[in-house]
């Protein structure tokens, strides 16, 4: 049987920018990186933009535990981001949580 990470949580947060709003969304998402990387329990917080569709912008995130992920979601800057940015710049957002399958 394959082994999965016991505590770590991987989050893939995929945003589709409204037409012509890619730069604004990318800038707003990029602004979340410094504070998130300082959070205890953040292992990876990587921002990516799709080559074939620049409107698709994705965070690949990894946290030490569900509690670390929950803390991240409760921070003022994440709450502010979701209150303020999506109505202006985001067409769709899909957040999916995973358990890493280990080698």
PDB file of N, CA and C in Angstrom:
ATOM      1  N   UNK A   1       0.840  -1.188   0.000  1.00  0.00           N
ATOM      2  CA  UNK A   1       0.000   0.000   0.000  1.00  0.00           C
ATOM      3  C   UNK A   1       0.882   1.247   0.000  1.00  0.00           C
ATOM      4  N   UNK A   2       0.475   2.234  -0.765  1.00  0.00           N
ATOM      5  CA  UNK A   2       1.221   3.477  -0.838  1.00  0.00           C
ATOM      6  C   UNK A   2       1.084   4.252   0.462  1.00  0.00           C
ATOM      7  N   UNK A   3       2.168   4.921   0.813  1.00  0.00           N
ATOM      8  CA  UNK A   3       2.166   5.712   2.044  1.00  0.00           C
ATOM      9  C   UNK A   3       1.867   7.168   1.716  1.00  0.00           C
ATOM     10  N   UNK A   4       1.027   7.787   2.544  1.00  0.00           N
ATOM     11  CA  UNK A   4       0.691   9.203   2.393  1.00  0.00           C
ATOM     12  C   UNK A   4       1.230   9.971   3.591  1.00  0.00           C
ATOM     13  N   UNK A   5       1.476  11.242   3.372  1.00  0.00           N
ATOM     14  CA  UNK A   5       1.905  12.111   4.466  1.00  0.00           C
ATOM     15  C   UNK A   5       0.855  12.048   5.568  1.00  0.00           C
ATOM     16  N   UNK A   6       1.312  11.965   6.799  1.00  0.00           N
ATOM     17  CA  UNK A   6       0.371  11.814   7.907  1.00  0.00           C
ATOM     18  C   UNK A   6      -0.274  13.127   8.322  1.00  0.00           C
ATOM     19  N   UNK A   7       0.521  14.173   8.477  1.00  0.00           N
ATOM     20  CA  UNK A   7      -0.024  15.426   8.998  1.00  0.00           C
ATOM     21  C   UNK A   7      -0.079  16.540   7.960  1.00  0.00           C
ATOM     22  N   UNK A   8       0.887  16.553   7.054  1.00  0.00           N
ATOM     23  CA  UNK A   8       0.980  17.671   6.114  1.00  0.00           C
ATOM     24  C   UNK A   8      -0.255  17.765   5.215  1.00  0.00           C
ATOM     25  N   UNK A   9      -0.563  19.002   4.864  1.00  0.00           N
ATOM     26  CA  UNK A   9      -1.684  19.310   3.980  1.00  0.00           C
ATOM     27  C   UNK A   9      -1.127  20.059   2.769  1.00  0.00           C
ATOM     28  N   UNK A  10      -1.524  19.641   1.589  1.00  0.00           N
ATOM     29  CA  UNK A  10      -1.184  20.359   0.359  1.00  0.00           C
ATOM     30  C   UNK A  10      -2.460  21.033  -0.136  1.00  0.00           C
ATOM     31  N   UNK A  11      -2.340  22.294  -0.471  1.00  0.00           N
ATOM     32  CA  UNK A  11      -3.474  23.066  -0.976  1.00  0.00           C
ATOM     33  C   UNK A  11      -3.120  23.563  -2.376  1.00  0.00           C
ATOM     34  N   UNK A  12      -4.040  23.377  -3.300  1.00  0.00           N
ATOM     35  CA  UNK A  12      -3.910  23.964  -4.630  1.00  0.00           C
ATOM     36  C   UNK A  12      -5.055  24.960  -4.763  1.00  0.00           C
ATOM     37  N   UNK A  13      -4.691  26.221  -4.843  1.00  0.00           N
ATOM     38  CA  UNK A  13      -5.681  27.296  -4.958  1.00  0.00           C
ATOM     39  C   UNK A  13      -5.548  27.899  -6.356  1.00  0.00           C
ATOM     40  N   UNK A  14      -6.547  27.633  -7.190  1.00  0.00           N
ATOM     41  CA  UNK A  14      -6.489  28.069  -8.588  1.00  0.00           C
ATOM     42  C   UNK A  14      -7.486  29.198  -8.829  1.00  0.00           C
ATOM     43  N   UNK A  15      -6.962  30.295  -9.351  1.00  0.00           N
ATOM     44  CA  UNK A  15      -7.745  31.486  -9.629  1.00  0.00           C
ATOM     45  C   UNK A  15      -7.782  31.712 -11.138  1.00  0.00           C
ATOM     46  N   UNK A  16      -8.941  32.058 -11.645  1.00  0.00           N
ATOM     47  CA  UNK A  16      -9.080  32.468 -13.051  1.00  0.00           C
ATOM     48  C   UNK A  16      -9.414  33.948 -13.029  1.00  0.00           C
ATOM     49  N   UNK A  17      -8.497  34.754 -13.551  1.00  0.00           N
ATOM     50  CA  UNK A  17      -8.683  36.207 -13.557  1.00  0.00           C
ATOM     51  C   UNK A  17      -9.782  36.601 -14.535  1.00  0.00           C
ATOM     52  N   UNK A  18     -10.487  37.653 -14.192  1.00  0.00           N
ATOM     53  CA  UNK A  18     -11.411  38.251 -15.146  1.00  0.00           C
ATOM     54  C   UNK A  18     -10.596  38.745 -16.340  1.00  0.00           C
ATOM     55  N   UNK A  19     -11.235  38.777 -17.481  1.00  0.00           N
ATOM     56  CA  UNK A  19     -10.571  39.220 -18.716  1.00  0.00           C
ATOM     57  C   UNK A  19      -9.873  40.561 -18.497  1.00  0.00           C
ATOM     58  N   UNK A  20      -8.576  40.595 -18.815  1.00  0.00           N
ATOM     59  CA  UNK A  20      -7.801  41.820 -18.696  1.00  0.00           C
ATOM     60  C   UNK A  20      -7.360  42.173 -17.288  1.00  0.00           C
ATOM     61  N   UNK A  21      -7.623  41.306 -16.310  1.00  0.00           N
ATOM     62  CA  UNK A  21      -7.290  41.596 -14.911  1.00  0.00           C
ATOM     63  C   UNK A  21      -6.168  40.711 -14.372  1.00  0.00           C
ATOM     64  N   UNK A  22      -5.456  40.016 -15.274  1.00  0.00           N
ATOM     65  CA  UNK A  22      -4.397  39.110 -14.830  1.00  0.00           C
ATOM     66  C   UNK A  22      -3.306  39.818 -14.021  1.00  0.00           C
ATOM     67  N   UNK A  23      -2.852  40.964 -14.493  1.00  0.00           N
ATOM     68  CA  UNK A  23      -1.760  41.675 -13.816  1.00  0.00           C
ATOM     69  C   UNK A  23      -2.171  42.108 -12.409  1.00  0.00           C
ATOM     70  N   UNK A  24      -3.384  42.615 -12.272  1.00  0.00           N
ATOM     71  CA  UNK A  24      -3.859  43.057 -10.963  1.00  0.00           C
ATOM     72  C   UNK A  24      -3.995  41.879  -9.999  1.00  0.00           C
ATOM     73  N   UNK A  25      -4.542  40.774 -10.502  1.00  0.00           N
ATOM     74  CA  UNK A  25      -4.691  39.600  -9.649  1.00  0.00           C
ATOM     75  C   UNK A  25      -3.333  39.039  -9.256  1.00  0.00           C
ATOM     76  N   UNK A  26      -2.432  38.943 -10.212  1.00  0.00           N
ATOM     77  CA  UNK A  26      -1.094  38.423  -9.925  1.00  0.00           C
ATOM     78  C   UNK A  26      -0.394  39.280  -8.879  1.00  0.00           C
ATOM     79  N   UNK A  27      -0.511  40.574  -8.984  1.00  0.00           N
ATOM     80  CA  UNK A  27       0.104  41.485  -8.008  1.00  0.00           C
ATOM     81  C   UNK A  27      -0.508  41.298  -6.622  1.00  0.00           C
ATOM     82  N   UNK A  28      -1.833  41.175  -6.552  1.00  0.00           N
ATOM     83  CA  UNK A  28      -2.505  40.977  -5.261  1.00  0.00           C
ATOM     84  C   UNK A  28      -2.107  39.647  -4.637  1.00  0.00           C
ATOM     85  N   UNK A  29      -2.055  38.587  -5.432  1.00  0.00           N
ATOM     86  CA  UNK A  29      -1.649  37.281  -4.906  1.00  0.00           C
ATOM     87  C   UNK A  29      -0.191  37.291  -4.472  1.00  0.00           C
ATOM     88  N   UNK A  30       0.653  37.917  -5.258  1.00  0.00           N
ATOM     89  CA  UNK A  30       2.076  37.996  -4.924  1.00  0.00           C
ATOM     90  C   UNK A  30       2.282  38.698  -3.585  1.00  0.00           C
ATOM     91  N   UNK A  31       1.426  39.653  -3.289  1.00  0.00           N
ATOM     92  CA  UNK A  31       1.522  40.382  -2.024  1.00  0.00           C
ATOM     93  C   UNK A  31       1.269  39.523  -0.794  1.00  0.00           C
ATOM     94  N   UNK A  32       0.663  38.345  -0.972  1.00  0.00           N
ATOM     95  CA  UNK A  32       0.404  37.447   0.153  1.00  0.00           C
ATOM     96  C   UNK A  32       1.630  36.618   0.542  1.00  0.00           C
ATOM     97  N   UNK A  33       2.616  36.549  -0.334  1.00  0.00           N
ATOM     98  CA  UNK A  33       3.742  35.639  -0.125  1.00  0.00           C
ATOM     99  C   UNK A  33       4.567  35.957   1.124  1.00  0.00           C
ATOM    100  N   UNK A  34       5.031  37.199   1.324  1.00  0.00           N
ATOM    101  CA  UNK A  34       5.921  37.437   2.475  1.00  0.00           C
ATOM    102  C   UNK A  34       5.312  37.048   3.820  1.00  0.00           C
ATOM    103  N   UNK A  35       4.096  37.488   4.090  1.00  0.00           N
ATOM    104  CA  UNK A  35       3.477  37.192   5.391  1.00  0.00           C
ATOM    105  C   UNK A  35       3.197  35.701   5.540  1.00  0.00           C
ATOM    106  N   UNK A  36       2.734  35.061   4.474  1.00  0.00           N
ATOM    107  CA  UNK A  36       2.431  33.631   4.555  1.00  0.00           C
ATOM    108  C   UNK A  36       3.697  32.818   4.795  1.00  0.00           C
ATOM    109  N   UNK A  37       4.779  33.189   4.166  1.00  0.00           N
ATOM    110  CA  UNK A  37       6.034  32.444   4.347  1.00  0.00           C
ATOM    111  C   UNK A  37       6.581  32.588   5.768  1.00  0.00           C
ATOM    112  N   UNK A  38       6.162  33.628   6.476  1.00  0.00           N
ATOM    113  CA  UNK A  38       6.587  33.803   7.875  1.00  0.00           C
ATOM    114  C   UNK A  38       5.710  33.024   8.858  1.00  0.00           C
ATOM    115  N   UNK A  39       4.574  32.508   8.400  1.00  0.00           N
ATOM    116  CA  UNK A  39       3.682  31.762   9.290  1.00  0.00           C
ATOM    117  C   UNK A  39       4.351  30.455   9.731  1.00  0.00           C
ATOM    118  N   UNK A  40       4.224  30.166  11.005  1.00  0.00           N
ATOM    119  CA  UNK A  40       4.711  28.881  11.498  1.00  0.00           C
ATOM    120  C   UNK A  40       3.870  27.785  10.853  1.00  0.00           C
ATOM    121  N   UNK A  41       4.533  26.776  10.322  1.00  0.00           N
ATOM    122  CA  UNK A  41       3.815  25.666   9.707  1.00  0.00           C
ATOM    123  C   UNK A  41       3.685  25.762   8.198  1.00  0.00           C
ATOM    124  N   UNK A  42       4.085  26.894   7.608  1.00  0.00           N
ATOM    125  CA  UNK A  42       4.095  26.982   6.149  1.00  0.00           C
ATOM    126  C   UNK A  42       5.373  26.346   5.634  1.00  0.00           C
ATOM    127  N   UNK A  43       5.228  25.344   4.790  1.00  0.00           N
ATOM    128  CA  UNK A  43       6.374  24.649   4.209  1.00  0.00           C
ATOM    129  C   UNK A  43       6.646  25.159   2.794  1.00  0.00           C
ATOM    130  N   UNK A  44       5.587  25.387   2.036  1.00  0.00           N
ATOM    131  CA  UNK A  44       5.718  25.807   0.634  1.00  0.00           C
ATOM    132  C   UNK A  44       4.568  26.754   0.311  1.00  0.00           C
ATOM    133  N   UNK A  45       4.883  27.827  -0.408  1.00  0.00           N
ATOM    134  CA  UNK A  45       3.855  28.775  -0.842  1.00  0.00           C
ATOM    135  C   UNK A  45       4.328  29.336  -2.174  1.00  0.00           C
ATOM    136  N   UNK A  46       3.960  28.660  -3.237  1.00  0.00           N
ATOM    137  CA  UNK A  46       4.522  28.919  -4.559  1.00  0.00           C
ATOM    138  C   UNK A  46       3.439  29.427  -5.504  1.00  0.00           C
ATOM    139  N   UNK A  47       3.690  30.566  -6.116  1.00  0.00           N
ATOM    140  CA  UNK A  47       2.742  31.182  -7.039  1.00  0.00           C
ATOM    141  C   UNK A  47       3.148  30.880  -8.478  1.00  0.00           C
ATOM    142  N   UNK A  48       2.181  30.455  -9.289  1.00  0.00           N
ATOM    143  CA  UNK A  48       2.437  30.061 -10.675  1.00  0.00           C
ATOM    144  C   UNK A  48       1.390  30.666 -11.598  1.00  0.00           C
ATOM    145  N   UNK A  49       1.819  30.967 -12.827  1.00  0.00           N
ATOM    146  CA  UNK A  49       0.898  31.463 -13.852  1.00  0.00           C
ATOM    147  C   UNK A  49       0.983  30.526 -15.046  1.00  0.00           C
ATOM    148  N   UNK A  50      -0.172  30.086 -15.534  1.00  0.00           N
ATOM    149  CA  UNK A  50      -0.215  29.139 -16.640  1.00  0.00           C
ATOM    150  C   UNK A  50       0.391  29.747 -17.908  1.00  0.00           C
ATOM    151  N   UNK A  51       1.171  28.952 -18.605  1.00  0.00           N
ATOM    152  CA  UNK A  51       1.811  29.409 -19.837  1.00  0.00           C
ATOM    153  C   UNK A  51       0.771  29.592 -20.944  1.00  0.00           C
ATOM    154  N   UNK A  52      -0.092  28.622 -21.114  1.00  0.00           N
ATOM    155  CA  UNK A  52      -1.052  28.672 -22.213  1.00  0.00           C
ATOM    156  C   UNK A  52      -2.275  29.543 -21.921  1.00  0.00           C
ATOM    157  N   UNK A  53      -2.529  29.822 -20.659  1.00  0.00           N
ATOM    158  CA  UNK A  53      -3.656  30.680 -20.290  1.00  0.00           C
ATOM    159  C   UNK A  53      -3.240  31.562 -19.116  1.00  0.00           C
ATOM    160  N   UNK A  54      -2.653  32.721 -19.387  1.00  0.00           N
ATOM    161  CA  UNK A  54      -2.142  33.582 -18.321  1.00  0.00           C
ATOM    162  C   UNK A  54      -3.201  34.062 -17.330  1.00  0.00           C
ATOM    163  N   UNK A  55      -4.472  33.875 -17.658  1.00  0.00           N
ATOM    164  CA  UNK A  55      -5.528  34.237 -16.713  1.00  0.00           C
ATOM    165  C   UNK A  55      -5.610  33.221 -15.573  1.00  0.00           C
ATOM    166  N   UNK A  56      -4.995  32.051 -15.732  1.00  0.00           N
ATOM    167  CA  UNK A  56      -5.014  31.022 -14.691  1.00  0.00           C
ATOM    168  C   UNK A  56      -3.765  31.167 -13.827  1.00  0.00           C
ATOM    169  N   UNK A  57      -3.997  31.463 -12.560  1.00  0.00           N
ATOM    170  CA  UNK A  57      -2.923  31.712 -11.602  1.00  0.00           C
ATOM    171  C   UNK A  57      -3.163  30.790 -10.411  1.00  0.00           C
ATOM    172  N   UNK A  58      -2.118  30.058 -10.021  1.00  0.00           N
ATOM    173  CA  UNK A  58      -2.291  28.989  -9.040  1.00  0.00           C
ATOM    174  C   UNK A  58      -1.237  29.069  -7.941  1.00  0.00           C
ATOM    175  N   UNK A  59      -1.702  28.939  -6.699  1.00  0.00           N
ATOM    176  CA  UNK A  59      -0.803  28.738  -5.574  1.00  0.00           C
ATOM    177  C   UNK A  59      -0.709  27.235  -5.320  1.00  0.00           C
ATOM    178  N   UNK A  60       0.504  26.738  -5.149  1.00  0.00           N
ATOM    179  CA  UNK A  60       0.751  25.395  -4.639  1.00  0.00           C
ATOM    180  C   UNK A  60       1.289  25.617  -3.226  1.00  0.00           C
ATOM    181  N   UNK A  61       0.566  25.122  -2.241  1.00  0.00           N
ATOM    182  CA  UNK A  61       0.885  25.402  -0.841  1.00  0.00           C
ATOM    183  C   UNK A  61       1.056  24.100  -0.075  1.00  0.00           C
ATOM    184  N   UNK A  62       1.927  24.115   0.904  1.00  0.00           N
ATOM    185  CA  UNK A  62       2.080  22.953   1.779  1.00  0.00           C
ATOM    186  C   UNK A  62       2.247  23.446   3.206  1.00  0.00           C
ATOM    187  N   UNK A  63       1.482  22.820   4.091  1.00  0.00           N
ATOM    188  CA  UNK A  63       1.481  23.190   5.505  1.00  0.00           C
ATOM    189  C   UNK A  63       1.818  21.971   6.347  1.00  0.00           C
ATOM    190  N   UNK A  64       2.393  22.212   7.504  1.00  0.00           N
ATOM    191  CA  UNK A  64       2.820  21.132   8.390  1.00  0.00           C
ATOM    192  C   UNK A  64       1.652  20.337   8.955  1.00  0.00           C
ATOM    193  N   UNK A  65       0.457  20.947   8.987  1.00  0.00           N
ATOM    194  CA  UNK A  65      -0.702  20.273   9.577  1.00  0.00           C
ATOM    195  C   UNK A  65      -1.984  20.978   9.148  1.00  0.00           C
ATOM    196  N   UNK A  66      -3.098  20.345   9.425  1.00  0.00           N
ATOM    197  CA  UNK A  66      -4.392  20.969   9.179  1.00  0.00           C
ATOM    198  C   UNK A  66      -4.526  22.241  10.009  1.00  0.00           C
ATOM    199  N   UNK A  67      -4.000  22.214  11.223  1.00  0.00           N
ATOM    200  CA  UNK A  67      -4.063  23.393  12.093  1.00  0.00           C
ATOM    201  C   UNK A  67      -3.295  24.571  11.482  1.00  0.00           C
ATOM    202  N   UNK A  68      -2.138  24.286  10.883  1.00  0.00           N
ATOM    203  CA  UNK A  68      -1.366  25.354  10.237  1.00  0.00           C
ATOM    204  C   UNK A  68      -2.124  25.930   9.049  1.00  0.00           C
ATOM    205  N   UNK A  69      -2.781  25.072   8.279  1.00  0.00           N
ATOM    206  CA  UNK A  69      -3.596  25.549   7.155  1.00  0.00           C
ATOM    207  C   UNK A  69      -4.776  26.375   7.662  1.00  0.00           C
ATOM    208  N   UNK A  70      -5.447  25.882   8.704  1.00  0.00           N
ATOM    209  CA  UNK A  70      -6.581  26.615   9.273  1.00  0.00           C
ATOM    210  C   UNK A  70      -6.146  27.985   9.794  1.00  0.00           C
ATOM    211  N   UNK A  71      -4.977  28.028  10.433  1.00  0.00           N
ATOM    212  CA  UNK A  71      -4.445  29.307  10.903  1.00  0.00           C
ATOM    213  C   UNK A  71      -4.244  30.254   9.720  1.00  0.00           C
ATOM    214  N   UNK A  72      -3.617  29.753   8.663  1.00  0.00           N
ATOM    215  CA  UNK A  72      -3.380  30.561   7.471  1.00  0.00           C
ATOM    216  C   UNK A  72      -4.697  31.167   6.964  1.00  0.00           C
ATOM    217  N   UNK A  73      -5.725  30.351   6.879  1.00  0.00           N
ATOM    218  CA  UNK A  73      -7.023  30.816   6.373  1.00  0.00           C
ATOM    219  C   UNK A  73      -7.669  31.856   7.284  1.00  0.00           C
ATOM    220  N   UNK A  74      -7.284  31.873   8.556  1.00  0.00           N
ATOM    221  CA  UNK A  74      -7.897  32.795   9.514  1.00  0.00           C
ATOM    222  C   UNK A  74      -7.142  34.114   9.661  1.00  0.00           C
ATOM    223  N   UNK A  75      -6.002  34.246   9.000  1.00  0.00           N
ATOM    224  CA  UNK A  75      -5.208  35.461   9.164  1.00  0.00           C
ATOM    225  C   UNK A  75      -5.924  36.668   8.552  1.00  0.00           C
ATOM    226  N   UNK A  76      -5.711  37.843   9.118  1.00  0.00           N
ATOM    227  CA  UNK A  76      -6.378  39.046   8.601  1.00  0.00           C
ATOM    228  C   UNK A  76      -6.069  39.322   7.126  1.00  0.00           C
ATOM    229  N   UNK A  77      -4.828  39.069   6.686  1.00  0.00           N
ATOM    230  CA  UNK A  77      -4.481  39.380   5.301  1.00  0.00           C
ATOM    231  C   UNK A  77      -5.143  38.422   4.321  1.00  0.00           C
ATOM    232  N   UNK A  78      -5.362  37.172   4.695  1.00  0.00           N
ATOM    233  CA  UNK A  78      -6.063  36.241   3.808  1.00  0.00           C
ATOM    234  C   UNK A  78      -7.553  36.584   3.779  1.00  0.00           C
ATOM    235  N   UNK A  79      -8.130  36.851   4.944  1.00  0.00           N
ATOM    236  CA  UNK A  79      -9.538  37.248   4.986  1.00  0.00           C
ATOM    237  C   UNK A  79      -9.759  38.526   4.178  1.00  0.00           C
ATOM    238  N   UNK A  80      -8.879  39.501   4.348  1.00  0.00           N
ATOM    239  CA  UNK A  80      -8.988  40.755   3.609  1.00  0.00           C
ATOM    240  C   UNK A  80      -8.872  40.509   2.109  1.00  0.00           C
ATOM    241  N   UNK A  81      -7.921  39.659   1.714  1.00  0.00           N
ATOM    242  CA  UNK A  81      -7.762  39.337   0.298  1.00  0.00           C
ATOM    243  C   UNK A  81      -9.072  38.809  -0.280  1.00  0.00           C
ATOM    244  N   UNK A  82      -9.672  37.812   0.371  1.00  0.00           N
ATOM    245  CA  UNK A  82     -10.888  37.195  -0.169  1.00  0.00           C
ATOM    246  C   UNK A  82     -12.098  38.135  -0.118  1.00  0.00           C
ATOM    247  N   UNK A  83     -12.100  39.079   0.808  1.00  0.00           N
ATOM    248  CA  UNK A  83     -13.183  40.066   0.859  1.00  0.00           C
ATOM    249  C   UNK A  83     -13.046  41.118  -0.242  1.00  0.00           C
ATOM    250  N   UNK A  84     -11.816  41.477  -0.527  1.00  0.00           N
ATOM    251  CA  UNK A  84     -11.539  42.634  -1.368  1.00  0.00           C
ATOM    252  C   UNK A  84     -11.238  42.307  -2.831  1.00  0.00           C
ATOM    253  N   UNK A  85     -10.421  41.289  -3.080  1.00  0.00           N
ATOM    254  CA  UNK A  85      -9.860  41.070  -4.414  1.00  0.00           C
ATOM    255  C   UNK A  85     -10.779  40.300  -5.374  1.00  0.00           C
ATOM    256  N   UNK A  86     -11.317  39.146  -4.997  1.00  0.00           N
ATOM    257  CA  UNK A  86     -12.111  38.393  -5.975  1.00  0.00           C
ATOM    258  C   UNK A  86     -13.252  39.174  -6.642  1.00  0.00           C
ATOM    259  N   UNK A  87     -14.004  39.992  -5.914  1.00  0.00           N
ATOM    260  CA  UNK A  87     -15.083  40.702  -6.615  1.00  0.00           C
ATOM    261  C   UNK A  87     -14.583  41.567  -7.781  1.00  0.00           C
ATOM    262  N   UNK A  88     -13.361  42.087  -7.668  1.00  0.00           N
ATOM    263  CA  UNK A  88     -12.820  42.967  -8.704  1.00  0.00           C
ATOM    264  C   UNK A  88     -12.096  42.223  -9.827  1.00  0.00           C
ATOM    265  N   UNK A  89     -11.346  41.169  -9.455  1.00  0.00           N
ATOM    266  CA  UNK A  89     -10.389  40.594 -10.401  1.00  0.00           C
ATOM    267  C   UNK A  89     -10.576  39.116 -10.718  1.00  0.00           C
ATOM    268  N   UNK A  90     -11.427  38.386  -9.981  1.00  0.00           N
ATOM    269  CA  UNK A  90     -11.478  36.931 -10.116  1.00  0.00           C
ATOM    270  C   UNK A  90     -12.797  36.471 -10.736  1.00  0.00           C
ATOM    271  N   UNK A  91     -12.661  35.653 -11.767  1.00  0.00           N
ATOM    272  CA  UNK A  91     -13.830  35.031 -12.394  1.00  0.00           C
ATOM    273  C   UNK A  91     -14.241  33.778 -11.626  1.00  0.00           C
ATOM    274  N   UNK A  92     -13.257  32.910 -11.320  1.00  0.00           N
ATOM    275  CA  UNK A  92     -13.526  31.696 -10.541  1.00  0.00           C
ATOM    276  C   UNK A  92     -12.332  31.405  -9.635  1.00  0.00           C
ATOM    277  N   UNK A  93     -12.628  30.699  -8.551  1.00  0.00           N
ATOM    278  CA  UNK A  93     -11.576  30.208  -7.664  1.00  0.00           C
ATOM    279  C   UNK A  93     -11.964  28.806  -7.220  1.00  0.00           C
ATOM    280  N   UNK A  94     -10.965  27.911  -7.252  1.00  0.00           N
ATOM    281  CA  UNK A  94     -11.162  26.540  -6.802  1.00  0.00           C
ATOM    282  C   UNK A  94     -10.017  26.219  -5.851  1.00  0.00           C
ATOM    283  N   UNK A  95     -10.366  25.833  -4.620  1.00  0.00           N
ATOM    284  CA  UNK A  95      -9.366  25.455  -3.613  1.00  0.00           C
ATOM    285  C   UNK A  95      -9.575  23.984  -3.291  1.00  0.00           C
ATOM    286  N   UNK A  96      -8.508  23.201  -3.472  1.00  0.00           N
ATOM    287  CA  UNK A  96      -8.582  21.754  -3.229  1.00  0.00           C
ATOM    288  C   UNK A  96      -7.460  21.367  -2.280  1.00  0.00           C
ATOM    289  N   UNK A  97      -7.794  20.561  -1.268  1.00  0.00           N
ATOM    290  CA  UNK A  97      -6.808  20.078  -0.305  1.00  0.00           C
ATOM    291  C   UNK A  97      -6.425  18.628  -0.641  1.00  0.00           C
ATOM    292  N   UNK A  98      -5.148  18.329  -0.406  1.00  0.00           N
ATOM    293  CA  UNK A  98      -4.605  17.015  -0.732  1.00  0.00           C
ATOM    294  C   UNK A  98      -3.745  16.488   0.406  1.00  0.00           C
ATOM    295  N   UNK A  99      -3.542  15.177   0.393  1.00  0.00           N
ATOM    296  CA  UNK A  99      -2.498  14.499   1.170  1.00  0.00           C
ATOM    297  C   UNK A  99      -1.458  14.057   0.167  1.00  0.00           C
ATOM    298  N   UNK A 100      -0.193  14.363   0.427  1.00  0.00           N
ATOM    299  CA  UNK A 100       0.879  13.970  -0.473  1.00  0.00           C
ATOM    300  C   UNK A 100       1.080  12.457  -0.436  1.00  0.00           C
ATOM    301  N   UNK A 101       1.191  11.858  -1.600  1.00  0.00           N
ATOM    302  CA  UNK A 101       1.539  10.440  -1.703  1.00  0.00           C
ATOM    303  C   UNK A 101       3.065  10.382  -1.749  1.00  0.00           C
ATOM    304  N   UNK A 102       3.646   9.694  -0.790  1.00  0.00           N
ATOM    305  CA  UNK A 102       5.093   9.702  -0.607  1.00  0.00           C
ATOM    306  C   UNK A 102       5.790   8.719  -1.549  1.00  0.00           C
ATOM    307  N   UNK A 103       7.055   9.018  -1.882  1.00  0.00           N
ATOM    308  CA  UNK A 103       7.817   8.117  -2.763  1.00  0.00           C
ATOM    309  C   UNK A 103       8.105   6.779  -2.098  1.00  0.00           C
TER     310      UNK A 103
END
